[in-house]
Amino acid sequence: MSEAAVKNTRTLVGRVVSDKRAKTVTVLIERRNAHELYGKIVAKSRKYHAHDEKGEYKMGDMVEIAEGRPISKTKSWVVTRLVEKAKLV
């Protein structure tokens, strides 16, 4: 039963832009789609607050987030997995 619920949740992949809050990371999701009238590729972005229980994800990491129940006023997403570790500069 729980596996079926997990399959139906929305998942997004984005980059962690802030890890300052306790048990929370801010994830920037960038979408690229064509403009309705002109057809030019336009980049749109949105930030989501995602729950990170152990505080293991750091700034610059590429992560997958999944929609879940509301955890706080602004947080209803949970980090599910690490896609790519941040590169050291």
N, C-alpha and C. Protein backbone atom coordinates (compact mmCIF):
# COMPACT_ATOMS: atom_id res chain seq x y z
N MET A 1 0.82 -1.19 0.00
CA MET A 1 0.00 0.00 0.00
C MET A 1 0.86 1.25 0.00
N SER A 2 1.91 1.30 0.83
CA SER A 2 2.76 2.48 0.91
C SER A 2 3.59 2.67 -0.36
N GLU A 3 3.96 1.57 -1.03
CA GLU A 3 4.73 1.69 -2.26
C GLU A 3 3.91 2.36 -3.35
N ALA A 4 2.61 2.07 -3.43
CA ALA A 4 1.74 2.70 -4.42
C ALA A 4 1.64 4.19 -4.15
N ALA A 5 1.58 4.58 -2.88
CA ALA A 5 1.51 5.99 -2.52
C ALA A 5 2.80 6.71 -2.90
N VAL A 6 3.94 6.04 -2.74
CA VAL A 6 5.23 6.64 -3.07
C VAL A 6 5.35 6.85 -4.58
N LYS A 7 4.85 5.92 -5.38
CA LYS A 7 4.93 6.02 -6.83
C LYS A 7 4.12 7.19 -7.38
N ASN A 8 3.04 7.56 -6.70
CA ASN A 8 2.17 8.62 -7.19
C ASN A 8 2.62 10.02 -6.79
N THR A 9 3.67 10.13 -5.96
CA THR A 9 4.11 11.46 -5.53
C THR A 9 4.92 12.14 -6.63
N ARG A 10 4.83 13.48 -6.66
CA ARG A 10 5.62 14.25 -7.61
C ARG A 10 7.06 14.28 -7.14
N THR A 11 8.00 14.12 -8.06
CA THR A 11 9.41 14.23 -7.72
C THR A 11 10.06 15.24 -8.66
N LEU A 12 11.00 16.00 -8.12
CA LEU A 12 11.74 17.00 -8.89
C LEU A 12 13.22 16.86 -8.58
N VAL A 13 14.06 17.25 -9.51
CA VAL A 13 15.51 17.22 -9.31
C VAL A 13 16.03 18.65 -9.42
N GLY A 14 16.82 19.05 -8.40
CA GLY A 14 17.37 20.40 -8.40
C GLY A 14 18.61 20.51 -7.55
N ARG A 15 19.15 21.74 -7.49
CA ARG A 15 20.39 21.99 -6.77
C ARG A 15 20.12 22.66 -5.44
N VAL A 16 20.84 22.20 -4.39
CA VAL A 16 20.71 22.81 -3.07
C VAL A 16 21.41 24.17 -3.10
N VAL A 17 20.66 25.24 -2.80
CA VAL A 17 21.24 26.58 -2.80
C VAL A 17 21.43 27.12 -1.39
N SER A 18 20.82 26.49 -0.39
CA SER A 18 21.02 26.91 1.00
C SER A 18 20.82 25.72 1.93
N ASP A 19 21.75 25.60 2.91
CA ASP A 19 21.62 24.55 3.93
C ASP A 19 21.77 25.14 5.33
N LYS A 20 21.39 26.41 5.47
CA LYS A 20 21.58 27.11 6.74
C LYS A 20 20.55 26.74 7.80
N ARG A 21 19.35 26.40 7.40
CA ARG A 21 18.29 26.08 8.36
C ARG A 21 18.45 24.67 8.91
N ALA A 22 17.99 24.47 10.13
CA ALA A 22 18.08 23.15 10.77
C ALA A 22 17.09 22.19 10.12
N LYS A 23 17.60 21.03 9.70
CA LYS A 23 16.80 19.97 9.08
C LYS A 23 16.07 20.40 7.81
N THR A 24 16.55 21.48 7.18
CA THR A 24 15.91 21.99 5.96
C THR A 24 16.95 22.43 4.95
N VAL A 25 16.70 22.12 3.68
CA VAL A 25 17.53 22.63 2.60
C VAL A 25 16.63 23.36 1.61
N THR A 26 17.17 24.39 0.96
CA THR A 26 16.44 25.09 -0.08
C THR A 26 16.94 24.57 -1.41
N VAL A 27 16.01 24.08 -2.25
CA VAL A 27 16.37 23.45 -3.52
C VAL A 27 15.84 24.32 -4.66
N LEU A 28 16.72 24.67 -5.60
CA LEU A 28 16.34 25.47 -6.77
C LEU A 28 16.04 24.52 -7.92
N ILE A 29 14.81 24.61 -8.43
CA ILE A 29 14.38 23.78 -9.57
C ILE A 29 14.32 24.70 -10.78
N GLU A 30 15.02 24.33 -11.85
CA GLU A 30 14.98 25.12 -13.08
C GLU A 30 14.23 24.34 -14.16
N ARG A 31 13.26 25.01 -14.76
CA ARG A 31 12.49 24.42 -15.85
C ARG A 31 12.79 25.21 -17.11
N ARG A 32 12.92 24.51 -18.22
CA ARG A 32 13.16 25.17 -19.51
C ARG A 32 12.05 24.72 -20.45
N ASN A 33 11.24 25.70 -20.90
CA ASN A 33 10.20 25.36 -21.87
C ASN A 33 10.02 26.50 -22.87
N ALA A 34 9.35 26.18 -23.96
CA ALA A 34 9.18 27.15 -25.04
C ALA A 34 8.11 28.18 -24.67
N HIS A 35 8.36 29.43 -25.05
CA HIS A 35 7.38 30.50 -24.87
C HIS A 35 6.16 30.18 -25.74
N GLU A 36 4.96 30.46 -25.20
CA GLU A 36 3.72 30.08 -25.90
C GLU A 36 3.60 30.73 -27.28
N LEU A 37 3.92 32.01 -27.37
CA LEU A 37 3.73 32.74 -28.62
C LEU A 37 4.98 32.73 -29.51
N TYR A 38 6.14 32.98 -28.92
CA TYR A 38 7.35 33.19 -29.71
C TYR A 38 8.21 31.94 -29.89
N GLY A 39 8.01 30.95 -29.09
CA GLY A 39 8.73 29.69 -29.26
C GLY A 39 10.14 29.69 -28.70
N LYS A 40 10.59 30.82 -28.14
CA LYS A 40 11.93 30.89 -27.57
C LYS A 40 11.99 30.07 -26.29
N ILE A 41 13.10 29.38 -26.06
CA ILE A 41 13.28 28.60 -24.83
C ILE A 41 13.52 29.56 -23.67
N VAL A 42 12.64 29.49 -22.68
CA VAL A 42 12.71 30.38 -21.52
C VAL A 42 12.97 29.54 -20.28
N ALA A 43 13.93 29.98 -19.47
CA ALA A 43 14.25 29.27 -18.22
C ALA A 43 13.45 29.89 -17.08
N LYS A 44 12.72 29.06 -16.36
CA LYS A 44 11.99 29.51 -15.18
C LYS A 44 12.50 28.72 -14.00
N SER A 45 12.58 29.39 -12.85
CA SER A 45 13.10 28.69 -11.67
C SER A 45 12.19 28.94 -10.48
N ARG A 46 12.24 28.02 -9.53
CA ARG A 46 11.46 28.14 -8.30
C ARG A 46 12.24 27.45 -7.19
N LYS A 47 12.14 28.00 -5.98
CA LYS A 47 12.82 27.41 -4.83
C LYS A 47 11.82 26.68 -3.96
N TYR A 48 12.20 25.52 -3.49
CA TYR A 48 11.38 24.71 -2.59
C TYR A 48 12.17 24.45 -1.31
N HIS A 49 11.49 24.50 -0.17
CA HIS A 49 12.10 24.09 1.09
C HIS A 49 11.83 22.59 1.24
N ALA A 50 12.88 21.81 1.48
CA ALA A 50 12.74 20.37 1.59
C ALA A 50 13.31 19.89 2.92
N HIS A 51 12.68 18.86 3.49
CA HIS A 51 13.09 18.32 4.78
C HIS A 51 14.31 17.43 4.62
N ASP A 52 15.32 17.68 5.45
CA ASP A 52 16.57 16.92 5.46
C ASP A 52 16.84 16.54 6.91
N GLU A 53 16.34 15.40 7.35
CA GLU A 53 16.34 15.01 8.76
C GLU A 53 17.74 14.99 9.37
N LYS A 54 18.72 14.41 8.66
CA LYS A 54 20.07 14.24 9.22
C LYS A 54 21.01 15.39 8.89
N GLY A 55 20.60 16.31 8.05
CA GLY A 55 21.45 17.42 7.66
C GLY A 55 22.64 16.98 6.82
N GLU A 56 22.44 15.97 5.98
CA GLU A 56 23.55 15.40 5.21
C GLU A 56 23.77 16.06 3.85
N TYR A 57 22.81 16.84 3.35
CA TYR A 57 22.95 17.46 2.04
C TYR A 57 23.49 18.87 2.18
N LYS A 58 24.49 19.19 1.38
CA LYS A 58 25.18 20.48 1.49
C LYS A 58 24.95 21.32 0.24
N MET A 59 25.35 22.58 0.32
CA MET A 59 25.17 23.52 -0.77
C MET A 59 25.88 23.03 -2.03
N GLY A 60 25.19 23.09 -3.16
CA GLY A 60 25.76 22.67 -4.44
C GLY A 60 25.41 21.25 -4.82
N ASP A 61 24.89 20.44 -3.89
CA ASP A 61 24.51 19.06 -4.20
C ASP A 61 23.28 19.05 -5.11
N MET A 62 23.24 18.09 -6.04
CA MET A 62 22.06 17.87 -6.86
C MET A 62 21.24 16.79 -6.17
N VAL A 63 20.00 17.09 -5.82
CA VAL A 63 19.17 16.16 -5.06
C VAL A 63 17.82 15.97 -5.73
N GLU A 64 17.17 14.87 -5.36
CA GLU A 64 15.80 14.61 -5.78
C GLU A 64 14.89 14.87 -4.59
N ILE A 65 13.81 15.62 -4.80
CA ILE A 65 12.85 15.87 -3.73
C ILE A 65 11.49 15.31 -4.12
N ALA A 66 10.74 14.86 -3.13
CA ALA A 66 9.42 14.30 -3.36
C ALA A 66 8.40 15.03 -2.50
N GLU A 67 7.22 15.20 -3.05
CA GLU A 67 6.15 15.88 -2.32
C GLU A 67 5.63 14.98 -1.22
N GLY A 68 5.32 15.59 -0.08
CA GLY A 68 4.81 14.83 1.06
C GLY A 68 3.82 15.66 1.84
N ARG A 69 3.57 15.23 3.05
CA ARG A 69 2.63 15.98 3.90
C ARG A 69 3.28 17.28 4.35
N PRO A 70 2.49 18.30 4.70
CA PRO A 70 3.08 19.54 5.19
C PRO A 70 3.82 19.33 6.51
N ILE A 71 5.08 19.75 6.56
CA ILE A 71 5.91 19.59 7.75
C ILE A 71 5.93 20.90 8.52
N SER A 72 5.89 22.03 7.81
CA SER A 72 5.81 23.34 8.43
C SER A 72 5.05 24.26 7.48
N LYS A 73 5.05 25.55 7.78
CA LYS A 73 4.32 26.53 6.96
C LYS A 73 4.79 26.52 5.50
N THR A 74 6.10 26.44 5.30
CA THR A 74 6.65 26.52 3.94
C THR A 74 7.21 25.21 3.42
N LYS A 75 7.18 24.17 4.23
CA LYS A 75 7.90 22.93 3.87
C LYS A 75 6.96 21.75 3.73
N SER A 76 6.82 21.25 2.49
CA SER A 76 6.01 20.05 2.26
C SER A 76 6.71 19.11 1.26
N TRP A 77 8.02 19.24 1.15
CA TRP A 77 8.83 18.37 0.29
C TRP A 77 9.89 17.69 1.15
N VAL A 78 10.30 16.49 0.73
CA VAL A 78 11.31 15.72 1.46
C VAL A 78 12.40 15.32 0.48
N VAL A 79 13.66 15.46 0.89
CA VAL A 79 14.77 15.02 0.04
C VAL A 79 14.81 13.51 0.06
N THR A 80 14.73 12.88 -1.13
CA THR A 80 14.70 11.42 -1.20
C THR A 80 16.07 10.81 -1.48
N ARG A 81 16.88 11.47 -2.33
CA ARG A 81 18.19 10.89 -2.65
C ARG A 81 19.14 11.94 -3.19
N LEU A 82 20.41 11.62 -3.12
CA LEU A 82 21.48 12.45 -3.67
C LEU A 82 21.73 12.01 -5.10
N VAL A 83 21.58 12.92 -6.04
CA VAL A 83 21.83 12.60 -7.46
C VAL A 83 23.31 12.81 -7.78
N GLU A 84 23.86 13.95 -7.33
CA GLU A 84 25.26 14.27 -7.63
C GLU A 84 25.82 15.13 -6.50
N LYS A 85 27.00 14.74 -6.02
CA LYS A 85 27.67 15.50 -4.97
C LYS A 85 28.24 16.79 -5.55
N ALA A 86 28.31 17.84 -4.73
CA ALA A 86 28.84 19.13 -5.18
C ALA A 86 30.33 19.00 -5.52
N LYS A 87 30.74 19.67 -6.57
CA LYS A 87 32.15 19.65 -6.97
C LYS A 87 32.92 20.66 -6.13
N LEU A 88 34.12 20.30 -5.69
CA LEU A 88 34.96 21.22 -4.95
C LEU A 88 35.63 22.18 -5.90
N VAL A 89 35.64 23.45 -5.54
CA VAL A 89 36.23 24.48 -6.41
C VAL A 89 37.68 24.70 -6.05
